Amino acid sequence: MRQRAQWGRASVEKMLGALPVIAGFCSRLRIRELVDAACPVRDVAELTHGQVIEVLVANRLTSPAPLVHVQDWAREWAVGEAFGVEPALLNDDRIGRALDAIAPHLDRLAGSVGQAVSTRFNLSEEEQAFYRRHLTFDRTYTLTYQVNWLTGAFHRADCRGVASWCGDGPRESGRPACLVGSRPCCRGTARWPLC
């Protein structure tokens, strides 16, 4: 006697990873609430800026890659279940609009999230004051580090290093060989700030 196979409902497999933990921290830090208060959207919007920013935080923490194709990442991961956001709505245009909306408010938002952290973790008044005093310094330090890193990466990619192009050292004019034009790589182009 043959038995008929019983098929259950089709299952969907998605990556879960740390999404529930990240969603919990975003909720405790009130990221969605703070972003939505600073950057309101029209009533016809399907997602708020706060929802998009929370998902971007999760994206950067679980899958640090360039901010393109977040929609594909959200489909593969359990973003809809963890954050209540439909992955199809997270297209590059929507993410760009959310980032443009929060850009003028970054300092205020960082301070607000910092205050949310300080109240959640029972920091003393002295520790909270330290945080407020150093908020601008921390951001400036981060930006400086990024600019230095990009300059170094550009320098290595474009000039292939000081030793290879300017290896002859200063000539009689006091300028490196790449500025004098004797090296075939530069042909007299002014690359001194990079070489």
N, C-alpha and C. Protein backbone atom coordinates (compact mmCIF):
# COMPACT_ATOMS: atom_id res chain seq x y z
N MET A 1 0.84 -1.17 0.00
CA MET A 1 0.00 0.00 0.00
C MET A 1 0.89 1.24 0.00
N ARG A 2 0.55 2.14 -0.82
CA ARG A 2 1.27 3.41 -0.93
C ARG A 2 0.71 4.43 0.04
N GLN A 3 1.63 5.17 0.64
CA GLN A 3 1.19 6.25 1.52
C GLN A 3 1.39 7.56 0.79
N ARG A 4 0.48 8.41 0.99
CA ARG A 4 0.58 9.75 0.40
C ARG A 4 1.40 10.63 1.32
N ALA A 5 2.26 11.38 0.73
CA ALA A 5 3.09 12.31 1.51
C ALA A 5 2.25 13.49 1.95
N GLN A 6 2.45 13.87 3.15
CA GLN A 6 1.77 15.04 3.70
C GLN A 6 2.75 16.21 3.71
N TRP A 7 2.44 17.23 3.03
CA TRP A 7 3.31 18.41 2.99
C TRP A 7 2.74 19.47 3.92
N GLY A 8 3.62 20.00 4.71
CA GLY A 8 3.21 21.09 5.59
C GLY A 8 3.32 22.42 4.87
N ARG A 9 3.12 23.46 5.58
CA ARG A 9 3.24 24.80 5.00
C ARG A 9 4.70 25.04 4.65
N ALA A 10 4.92 25.78 3.60
CA ALA A 10 6.28 26.12 3.18
C ALA A 10 6.93 26.98 4.26
N SER A 11 8.19 26.73 4.52
CA SER A 11 8.89 27.53 5.53
C SER A 11 9.82 28.52 4.85
N VAL A 12 10.10 29.57 5.54
CA VAL A 12 11.01 30.59 5.06
C VAL A 12 12.16 30.68 6.04
N GLU A 13 13.36 30.59 5.54
CA GLU A 13 14.53 30.69 6.39
C GLU A 13 15.17 32.06 6.21
N LYS A 14 15.42 32.71 7.33
CA LYS A 14 16.07 34.02 7.32
C LYS A 14 17.12 34.04 8.42
N MET A 15 18.12 34.86 8.21
CA MET A 15 19.16 35.06 9.23
C MET A 15 18.57 35.90 10.36
N LEU A 16 18.83 35.49 11.56
CA LEU A 16 18.36 36.25 12.71
C LEU A 16 19.51 36.97 13.39
N GLY A 17 20.59 36.27 13.65
CA GLY A 17 21.77 36.88 14.25
C GLY A 17 21.43 37.67 15.50
N ALA A 18 21.98 38.87 15.58
CA ALA A 18 21.79 39.73 16.75
C ALA A 18 20.65 40.73 16.57
N LEU A 19 19.81 40.55 15.54
CA LEU A 19 18.75 41.53 15.28
C LEU A 19 17.83 41.76 16.49
N PRO A 20 17.38 40.74 17.20
CA PRO A 20 16.52 41.02 18.36
C PRO A 20 17.22 41.85 19.44
N VAL A 21 18.50 41.58 19.65
CA VAL A 21 19.27 42.34 20.64
C VAL A 21 19.41 43.79 20.18
N ILE A 22 19.74 43.98 18.91
CA ILE A 22 19.90 45.33 18.36
C ILE A 22 18.58 46.08 18.42
N ALA A 23 17.49 45.40 18.06
CA ALA A 23 16.17 46.05 18.13
C ALA A 23 15.85 46.46 19.56
N GLY A 24 16.21 45.62 20.51
CA GLY A 24 15.97 45.97 21.92
C GLY A 24 16.78 47.17 22.35
N PHE A 25 18.06 47.22 21.96
CA PHE A 25 18.88 48.37 22.31
C PHE A 25 18.39 49.64 21.63
N CYS A 26 18.00 49.54 20.36
CA CYS A 26 17.47 50.72 19.65
C CYS A 26 16.23 51.24 20.35
N SER A 27 15.41 50.32 20.83
CA SER A 27 14.21 50.72 21.55
C SER A 27 14.57 51.39 22.88
N ARG A 28 15.51 50.81 23.61
CA ARG A 28 15.92 51.39 24.89
C ARG A 28 16.57 52.76 24.71
N LEU A 29 17.29 52.93 23.60
CA LEU A 29 17.94 54.22 23.34
C LEU A 29 17.00 55.22 22.69
N ARG A 30 15.80 54.79 22.36
CA ARG A 30 14.75 55.64 21.78
C ARG A 30 15.20 56.25 20.44
N ILE A 31 15.95 55.51 19.64
CA ILE A 31 16.46 56.03 18.38
C ILE A 31 15.31 56.43 17.46
N ARG A 32 14.34 55.53 17.30
CA ARG A 32 13.21 55.83 16.40
C ARG A 32 12.46 57.07 16.88
N GLU A 33 12.18 57.11 18.15
CA GLU A 33 11.43 58.24 18.72
C GLU A 33 12.19 59.56 18.55
N LEU A 34 13.47 59.56 18.84
CA LEU A 34 14.27 60.79 18.75
C LEU A 34 14.43 61.27 17.31
N VAL A 35 14.67 60.33 16.40
CA VAL A 35 14.81 60.71 14.99
C VAL A 35 13.49 61.22 14.45
N ASP A 36 12.40 60.56 14.79
CA ASP A 36 11.09 61.00 14.30
C ASP A 36 10.69 62.37 14.86
N ALA A 37 11.11 62.66 16.09
CA ALA A 37 10.82 63.98 16.66
C ALA A 37 11.63 65.07 15.96
N ALA A 38 12.88 64.77 15.61
CA ALA A 38 13.74 65.75 14.95
C ALA A 38 13.43 65.89 13.47
N CYS A 39 12.99 64.80 12.83
CA CYS A 39 12.78 64.78 11.37
C CYS A 39 11.44 64.14 11.05
N PRO A 40 10.37 64.86 11.21
CA PRO A 40 9.06 64.26 10.92
C PRO A 40 8.87 64.01 9.42
N VAL A 41 8.00 63.08 9.09
CA VAL A 41 7.68 62.78 7.70
C VAL A 41 6.22 63.12 7.44
N ARG A 42 5.87 63.15 6.17
CA ARG A 42 4.47 63.42 5.82
C ARG A 42 3.61 62.22 6.18
N ASP A 43 2.32 62.44 6.27
CA ASP A 43 1.39 61.38 6.66
C ASP A 43 1.33 60.25 5.64
N VAL A 44 1.70 60.52 4.39
CA VAL A 44 1.61 59.50 3.35
C VAL A 44 2.82 58.57 3.32
N ALA A 45 3.84 58.87 4.11
CA ALA A 45 5.05 58.05 4.11
C ALA A 45 4.75 56.67 4.71
N GLU A 46 5.31 55.64 4.09
CA GLU A 46 5.11 54.29 4.57
C GLU A 46 6.06 53.93 5.70
N LEU A 47 7.22 54.59 5.74
CA LEU A 47 8.20 54.40 6.81
C LEU A 47 8.59 55.76 7.36
N THR A 48 8.87 55.81 8.64
CA THR A 48 9.40 57.04 9.21
C THR A 48 10.92 57.02 9.08
N HIS A 49 11.53 58.18 9.22
CA HIS A 49 12.99 58.25 9.18
C HIS A 49 13.58 57.45 10.33
N GLY A 50 12.92 57.45 11.46
CA GLY A 50 13.40 56.69 12.62
C GLY A 50 13.45 55.20 12.35
N GLN A 51 12.44 54.67 11.66
CA GLN A 51 12.44 53.25 11.32
C GLN A 51 13.61 52.92 10.40
N VAL A 52 13.85 53.78 9.41
CA VAL A 52 14.94 53.54 8.47
C VAL A 52 16.28 53.59 9.18
N ILE A 53 16.47 54.56 10.07
CA ILE A 53 17.74 54.70 10.77
C ILE A 53 17.98 53.50 11.70
N GLU A 54 16.95 53.02 12.36
CA GLU A 54 17.11 51.82 13.19
C GLU A 54 17.57 50.63 12.35
N VAL A 55 16.98 50.46 11.19
CA VAL A 55 17.38 49.36 10.31
C VAL A 55 18.82 49.55 9.84
N LEU A 56 19.21 50.80 9.55
CA LEU A 56 20.60 51.05 9.13
C LEU A 56 21.58 50.75 10.26
N VAL A 57 21.20 51.04 11.49
CA VAL A 57 22.05 50.70 12.63
C VAL A 57 22.23 49.18 12.68
N ALA A 58 21.13 48.45 12.51
CA ALA A 58 21.21 46.99 12.52
C ALA A 58 22.04 46.49 11.35
N ASN A 59 21.90 47.11 10.20
CA ASN A 59 22.68 46.71 9.03
C ASN A 59 24.17 46.88 9.28
N ARG A 60 24.55 48.01 9.82
CA ARG A 60 25.98 48.27 10.06
C ARG A 60 26.54 47.33 11.12
N LEU A 61 25.74 46.94 12.10
CA LEU A 61 26.23 46.08 13.17
C LEU A 61 26.27 44.60 12.77
N THR A 62 25.36 44.18 11.91
CA THR A 62 25.31 42.76 11.56
C THR A 62 26.01 42.44 10.25
N SER A 63 26.06 43.40 9.34
CA SER A 63 26.63 43.13 8.03
C SER A 63 27.30 44.40 7.51
N PRO A 64 28.43 44.78 8.09
CA PRO A 64 29.06 46.05 7.71
C PRO A 64 29.59 46.01 6.27
N ALA A 65 28.83 46.62 5.41
CA ALA A 65 29.18 46.71 3.99
C ALA A 65 28.68 48.06 3.50
N PRO A 66 29.01 48.45 2.28
CA PRO A 66 28.50 49.73 1.77
C PRO A 66 26.98 49.79 1.84
N LEU A 67 26.48 50.99 2.01
CA LEU A 67 25.04 51.18 2.16
C LEU A 67 24.32 51.14 0.82
N VAL A 68 24.49 50.08 0.10
CA VAL A 68 23.72 49.83 -1.12
C VAL A 68 23.13 48.44 -0.99
N HIS A 69 22.03 48.23 -1.61
CA HIS A 69 21.34 46.94 -1.58
C HIS A 69 20.95 46.53 -0.16
N VAL A 70 20.59 47.50 0.65
CA VAL A 70 20.11 47.20 2.00
C VAL A 70 18.81 46.41 1.90
N GLN A 71 18.06 46.66 0.85
CA GLN A 71 16.80 45.96 0.62
C GLN A 71 17.05 44.44 0.51
N ASP A 72 18.08 44.05 -0.22
CA ASP A 72 18.41 42.63 -0.34
C ASP A 72 18.83 42.05 1.00
N TRP A 73 19.64 42.80 1.74
CA TRP A 73 20.06 42.35 3.07
C TRP A 73 18.83 42.16 3.97
N ALA A 74 17.90 43.10 3.91
CA ALA A 74 16.71 43.04 4.77
C ALA A 74 15.84 41.84 4.42
N ARG A 75 15.82 41.46 3.14
CA ARG A 75 15.06 40.27 2.75
C ARG A 75 15.69 38.99 3.29
N GLU A 76 17.03 38.93 3.27
CA GLU A 76 17.74 37.74 3.72
C GLU A 76 17.75 37.62 5.25
N TRP A 77 17.74 38.73 5.92
CA TRP A 77 17.74 38.75 7.38
C TRP A 77 16.30 38.98 7.85
N ALA A 78 16.02 38.72 9.09
CA ALA A 78 14.67 38.83 9.66
C ALA A 78 14.37 40.26 10.10
N VAL A 79 14.58 41.21 9.20
CA VAL A 79 14.38 42.62 9.53
C VAL A 79 12.90 42.93 9.74
N GLY A 80 12.06 42.37 8.88
CA GLY A 80 10.62 42.61 9.02
C GLY A 80 10.09 42.13 10.36
N GLU A 81 10.57 40.98 10.79
CA GLU A 81 10.11 40.42 12.05
C GLU A 81 10.69 41.16 13.26
N ALA A 82 11.93 41.57 13.18
CA ALA A 82 12.59 42.22 14.33
C ALA A 82 12.22 43.69 14.47
N PHE A 83 12.06 44.39 13.34
CA PHE A 83 11.83 45.83 13.39
C PHE A 83 10.45 46.25 12.90
N GLY A 84 9.67 45.32 12.37
CA GLY A 84 8.35 45.67 11.87
C GLY A 84 8.40 46.53 10.62
N VAL A 85 9.43 46.33 9.81
CA VAL A 85 9.63 47.13 8.60
C VAL A 85 9.62 46.19 7.40
N GLU A 86 8.82 46.51 6.41
CA GLU A 86 8.76 45.71 5.20
C GLU A 86 10.05 45.90 4.40
N PRO A 87 10.81 44.84 4.14
CA PRO A 87 12.08 44.99 3.42
C PRO A 87 11.96 45.66 2.06
N ALA A 88 10.85 45.47 1.37
CA ALA A 88 10.68 46.06 0.03
C ALA A 88 10.69 47.59 0.08
N LEU A 89 10.41 48.16 1.24
CA LEU A 89 10.37 49.63 1.36
C LEU A 89 11.75 50.24 1.59
N LEU A 90 12.75 49.41 1.80
CA LEU A 90 14.09 49.91 2.13
C LEU A 90 14.96 50.05 0.89
N ASN A 91 14.45 50.73 -0.11
CA ASN A 91 15.25 50.92 -1.32
C ASN A 91 16.28 52.03 -1.10
N ASP A 92 17.23 52.12 -2.01
CA ASP A 92 18.33 53.08 -1.86
C ASP A 92 17.83 54.52 -1.78
N ASP A 93 16.77 54.83 -2.52
CA ASP A 93 16.22 56.18 -2.51
C ASP A 93 15.67 56.53 -1.12
N ARG A 94 14.95 55.60 -0.50
CA ARG A 94 14.36 55.85 0.82
C ARG A 94 15.45 56.02 1.87
N ILE A 95 16.49 55.22 1.76
CA ILE A 95 17.60 55.34 2.71
C ILE A 95 18.30 56.68 2.53
N GLY A 96 18.50 57.10 1.28
CA GLY A 96 19.12 58.40 1.01
C GLY A 96 18.30 59.55 1.58
N ARG A 97 16.97 59.47 1.44
CA ARG A 97 16.11 60.53 1.98
C ARG A 97 16.19 60.59 3.50
N ALA A 98 16.27 59.43 4.15
CA ALA A 98 16.38 59.42 5.61
C ALA A 98 17.71 60.01 6.06
N LEU A 99 18.79 59.64 5.37
CA LEU A 99 20.11 60.18 5.73
C LEU A 99 20.18 61.68 5.47
N ASP A 100 19.59 62.14 4.37
CA ASP A 100 19.54 63.58 4.10
C ASP A 100 18.74 64.31 5.17
N ALA A 101 17.68 63.69 5.64
CA ALA A 101 16.82 64.34 6.64
C ALA A 101 17.54 64.49 7.98
N ILE A 102 18.32 63.50 8.38
CA ILE A 102 18.96 63.58 9.70
C ILE A 102 20.28 64.35 9.67
N ALA A 103 20.86 64.54 8.50
CA ALA A 103 22.19 65.19 8.41
C ALA A 103 22.25 66.52 9.16
N PRO A 104 21.29 67.43 9.00
CA PRO A 104 21.40 68.71 9.72
C PRO A 104 21.21 68.58 11.23
N HIS A 105 20.71 67.45 11.68
CA HIS A 105 20.37 67.27 13.10
C HIS A 105 21.30 66.28 13.82
N LEU A 106 22.41 65.90 13.19
CA LEU A 106 23.25 64.85 13.77
C LEU A 106 23.77 65.18 15.17
N ASP A 107 24.23 66.40 15.37
CA ASP A 107 24.75 66.75 16.70
C ASP A 107 23.67 66.63 17.76
N ARG A 108 22.50 67.16 17.45
CA ARG A 108 21.41 67.10 18.43
C ARG A 108 20.98 65.66 18.67
N LEU A 109 20.91 64.86 17.60
CA LEU A 109 20.51 63.47 17.76
C LEU A 109 21.54 62.68 18.56
N ALA A 110 22.81 62.92 18.28
CA ALA A 110 23.87 62.22 19.03
C ALA A 110 23.78 62.59 20.51
N GLY A 111 23.55 63.85 20.79
CA GLY A 111 23.39 64.27 22.18
C GLY A 111 22.18 63.65 22.84
N SER A 112 21.08 63.56 22.10
CA SER A 112 19.85 62.97 22.65
C SER A 112 20.03 61.48 22.93
N VAL A 113 20.68 60.78 21.98
CA VAL A 113 20.93 59.36 22.21
C VAL A 113 21.90 59.20 23.38
N GLY A 114 22.88 60.09 23.47
CA GLY A 114 23.81 60.06 24.60
C GLY A 114 23.10 60.26 25.92
N GLN A 115 22.14 61.16 25.94
CA GLN A 115 21.35 61.37 27.16
C GLN A 115 20.52 60.14 27.49
N ALA A 116 19.98 59.50 26.44
CA ALA A 116 19.21 58.27 26.67
C ALA A 116 20.10 57.19 27.26
N VAL A 117 21.33 57.10 26.78
CA VAL A 117 22.28 56.13 27.33
C VAL A 117 22.59 56.48 28.77
N SER A 118 22.86 57.73 29.03
CA SER A 118 23.27 58.11 30.37
C SER A 118 22.16 57.88 31.39
N THR A 119 20.91 58.05 31.01
CA THR A 119 19.84 57.78 31.97
C THR A 119 19.60 56.29 32.14
N ARG A 120 19.84 55.51 31.11
CA ARG A 120 19.64 54.06 31.19
C ARG A 120 20.72 53.37 32.01
N PHE A 121 21.93 53.91 31.99
CA PHE A 121 23.04 53.24 32.64
C PHE A 121 23.48 53.96 33.90
N ASN A 122 22.64 54.82 34.43
CA ASN A 122 22.87 55.48 35.71
C ASN A 122 24.26 56.11 35.83
N LEU A 123 24.61 56.93 34.85
CA LEU A 123 25.87 57.66 34.93
C LEU A 123 25.73 58.78 35.94
N SER A 124 26.80 59.09 36.60
CA SER A 124 26.77 60.19 37.56
C SER A 124 26.67 61.52 36.80
N GLU A 125 26.36 62.58 37.50
CA GLU A 125 26.29 63.91 36.88
C GLU A 125 27.63 64.29 36.27
N GLU A 126 28.71 63.92 36.94
CA GLU A 126 30.05 64.22 36.44
C GLU A 126 30.31 63.49 35.12
N GLU A 127 29.91 62.22 35.04
CA GLU A 127 30.09 61.45 33.81
C GLU A 127 29.22 61.99 32.69
N GLN A 128 28.01 62.41 33.01
CA GLN A 128 27.14 63.00 31.99
C GLN A 128 27.72 64.32 31.48
N ALA A 129 28.24 65.13 32.38
CA ALA A 129 28.86 66.39 31.97
C ALA A 129 30.08 66.13 31.09
N PHE A 130 30.88 65.12 31.44
CA PHE A 130 32.03 64.75 30.62
C PHE A 130 31.57 64.38 29.21
N TYR A 131 30.52 63.60 29.11
CA TYR A 131 30.00 63.21 27.80
C TYR A 131 29.59 64.43 27.00
N ARG A 132 28.84 65.34 27.61
CA ARG A 132 28.38 66.54 26.89
C ARG A 132 29.54 67.40 26.44
N ARG A 133 30.58 67.54 27.30
CA ARG A 133 31.75 68.36 26.93
C ARG A 133 32.53 67.75 25.77
N HIS A 134 32.59 66.44 25.68
CA HIS A 134 33.44 65.79 24.70
C HIS A 134 32.70 65.30 23.46
N LEU A 135 31.42 65.59 23.36
CA LEU A 135 30.65 65.13 22.21
C LEU A 135 31.23 65.69 20.92
N THR A 136 31.50 66.99 20.87
CA THR A 136 32.05 67.60 19.67
C THR A 136 33.45 67.08 19.40
N PHE A 137 34.25 66.93 20.43
CA PHE A 137 35.61 66.41 20.25
C PHE A 137 35.58 65.02 19.64
N ASP A 138 34.72 64.15 20.16
CA ASP A 138 34.65 62.79 19.64
C ASP A 138 34.26 62.78 18.17
N ARG A 139 33.31 63.60 17.81
CA ARG A 139 32.88 63.64 16.40
C ARG A 139 34.00 64.19 15.53
N THR A 140 34.66 65.24 15.98
CA THR A 140 35.76 65.82 15.22
C THR A 140 36.89 64.82 15.08
N TYR A 141 37.21 64.10 16.15
CA TYR A 141 38.26 63.09 16.10
C TYR A 141 37.91 62.02 15.07
N THR A 142 36.66 61.57 15.09
CA THR A 142 36.23 60.53 14.15
C THR A 142 36.35 61.02 12.72
N LEU A 143 35.89 62.24 12.46
CA LEU A 143 35.99 62.78 11.10
C LEU A 143 37.44 62.95 10.67
N THR A 144 38.28 63.42 11.58
CA THR A 144 39.70 63.57 11.26
C THR A 144 40.33 62.23 10.94
N TYR A 145 40.00 61.22 11.72
CA TYR A 145 40.52 59.88 11.46
C TYR A 145 40.10 59.40 10.07
N GLN A 146 38.82 59.62 9.73
CA GLN A 146 38.33 59.18 8.42
C GLN A 146 39.02 59.92 7.29
N VAL A 147 39.20 61.23 7.44
CA VAL A 147 39.88 62.01 6.40
C VAL A 147 41.32 61.53 6.24
N ASN A 148 42.01 61.31 7.35
CA ASN A 148 43.39 60.83 7.28
C ASN A 148 43.46 59.46 6.62
N TRP A 149 42.52 58.59 6.96
CA TRP A 149 42.51 57.26 6.37
C TRP A 149 42.26 57.35 4.87
N LEU A 150 41.27 58.17 4.46
CA LEU A 150 40.98 58.31 3.03
C LEU A 150 42.16 58.91 2.28
N THR A 151 42.81 59.90 2.88
CA THR A 151 43.98 60.50 2.25
C THR A 151 45.08 59.47 2.08
N GLY A 152 45.30 58.67 3.11
CA GLY A 152 46.31 57.62 3.01
C GLY A 152 45.96 56.60 1.95
N ALA A 153 44.68 56.21 1.89
CA ALA A 153 44.26 55.24 0.88
C ALA A 153 44.41 55.83 -0.52
N PHE A 154 44.05 57.10 -0.69
CA PHE A 154 44.19 57.75 -1.98
C PHE A 154 45.66 57.87 -2.35
N HIS A 155 46.47 58.21 -1.36
CA HIS A 155 47.90 58.35 -1.59
C HIS A 155 48.51 57.04 -2.07
N ARG A 156 48.16 55.94 -1.41
CA ARG A 156 48.72 54.65 -1.80
C ARG A 156 48.20 54.23 -3.16
N ALA A 157 46.94 54.50 -3.46
CA ALA A 157 46.37 54.06 -4.73
C ALA A 157 46.85 54.92 -5.89
N ASP A 158 46.98 56.23 -5.67
CA ASP A 158 47.28 57.13 -6.77
C ASP A 158 48.78 57.26 -7.01
N CYS A 159 49.56 57.40 -5.99
CA CYS A 159 51.00 57.66 -6.16
C CYS A 159 51.85 56.41 -6.01
N ARG A 160 51.27 55.33 -5.53
CA ARG A 160 52.02 54.09 -5.29
C ARG A 160 53.21 54.31 -4.38
N GLY A 161 53.09 55.27 -3.53
CA GLY A 161 54.10 55.47 -2.49
C GLY A 161 55.18 56.46 -2.87
N VAL A 162 55.68 57.11 -1.86
CA VAL A 162 56.72 58.11 -2.05
C VAL A 162 57.99 57.47 -2.60
N ALA A 163 58.33 56.31 -2.09
CA ALA A 163 59.60 55.70 -2.48
C ALA A 163 59.65 55.34 -3.95
N SER A 164 58.54 54.92 -4.53
CA SER A 164 58.59 54.48 -5.91
C SER A 164 58.60 55.64 -6.90
N TRP A 165 57.92 56.73 -6.60
CA TRP A 165 57.80 57.81 -7.58
C TRP A 165 58.75 58.95 -7.29
N CYS A 166 58.97 59.22 -6.05
CA CYS A 166 59.81 60.35 -5.68
C CYS A 166 61.11 59.84 -5.06
N GLY A 167 61.50 58.67 -5.43
CA GLY A 167 62.64 58.02 -4.84
C GLY A 167 63.96 58.73 -5.08
N ASP A 168 64.03 59.54 -6.12
CA ASP A 168 65.27 60.23 -6.41
C ASP A 168 65.57 61.30 -5.38
N GLY A 169 64.54 61.75 -4.67
CA GLY A 169 64.74 62.80 -3.68
C GLY A 169 64.81 64.17 -4.34
N PRO A 170 65.07 65.19 -3.54
CA PRO A 170 65.11 66.56 -4.07
C PRO A 170 66.26 66.75 -5.06
N ARG A 171 65.98 67.50 -6.08
CA ARG A 171 67.01 67.86 -7.05
C ARG A 171 67.59 69.22 -6.65
N GLU A 172 68.33 69.79 -7.54
CA GLU A 172 68.95 71.08 -7.24
C GLU A 172 67.90 72.14 -6.92
N SER A 173 66.72 72.02 -7.51
CA SER A 173 65.69 73.02 -7.28
C SER A 173 65.05 72.86 -5.89
N GLY A 174 65.33 71.74 -5.23
CA GLY A 174 64.73 71.52 -3.92
C GLY A 174 63.38 70.86 -3.99
N ARG A 175 62.96 70.51 -5.22
CA ARG A 175 61.67 69.85 -5.38
C ARG A 175 61.90 68.37 -5.69
N PRO A 176 60.96 67.50 -5.32
CA PRO A 176 61.11 66.09 -5.64
C PRO A 176 61.11 65.86 -7.15
N ALA A 177 61.64 64.73 -7.54
CA ALA A 177 61.76 64.42 -8.97
C ALA A 177 60.41 64.40 -9.67
N CYS A 178 59.36 64.00 -8.97
CA CYS A 178 58.07 63.92 -9.65
C CYS A 178 57.54 65.30 -10.01
N LEU A 179 57.98 66.35 -9.31
CA LEU A 179 57.54 67.70 -9.69
C LEU A 179 58.38 68.27 -10.81
N VAL A 180 59.61 67.85 -10.89
CA VAL A 180 60.50 68.36 -11.93
C VAL A 180 60.09 67.78 -13.28
N GLY A 181 59.52 66.59 -13.28
CA GLY A 181 59.05 66.00 -14.51
C GLY A 181 59.97 64.97 -15.10
N SER A 182 61.01 64.59 -14.38
CA SER A 182 61.93 63.61 -14.92
C SER A 182 61.42 62.18 -14.73
N ARG A 183 60.46 61.99 -13.86
CA ARG A 183 59.90 60.66 -13.66
C ARG A 183 58.77 60.45 -14.66
N PRO A 184 58.69 59.33 -15.34
CA PRO A 184 57.66 59.11 -16.34
C PRO A 184 56.26 59.03 -15.75
N CYS A 185 56.15 58.78 -14.45
CA CYS A 185 54.83 58.62 -13.86
C CYS A 185 54.08 59.95 -13.76
N CYS A 186 54.79 61.05 -13.56
CA CYS A 186 54.12 62.31 -13.30
C CYS A 186 54.16 63.27 -14.47
N ARG A 187 55.23 63.25 -15.23
CA ARG A 187 55.39 64.16 -16.36
C ARG A 187 55.15 65.61 -15.99
N GLY A 188 55.66 65.99 -14.84
CA GLY A 188 55.61 67.39 -14.46
C GLY A 188 54.31 67.82 -13.81
N THR A 189 53.37 66.90 -13.60
CA THR A 189 52.15 67.31 -12.94
C THR A 189 52.42 67.56 -11.48
N ALA A 190 51.73 68.49 -10.92
CA ALA A 190 51.98 68.90 -9.53
C ALA A 190 51.35 67.89 -8.59
N ARG A 191 52.13 66.92 -8.17
CA ARG A 191 51.63 65.91 -7.24
C ARG A 191 52.32 66.02 -5.88
N TRP A 192 52.96 67.11 -5.61
CA TRP A 192 53.73 67.23 -4.36
C TRP A 192 52.87 66.99 -3.12
N PRO A 193 51.63 67.49 -3.01
CA PRO A 193 50.88 67.22 -1.78
C PRO A 193 50.60 65.72 -1.58
N LEU A 194 50.63 64.96 -2.64
CA LEU A 194 50.33 63.54 -2.51
C LEU A 194 51.57 62.68 -2.45
N CYS A 195 52.69 63.14 -3.03
CA CYS A 195 53.90 62.30 -3.08
C CYS A 195 54.83 62.60 -1.93
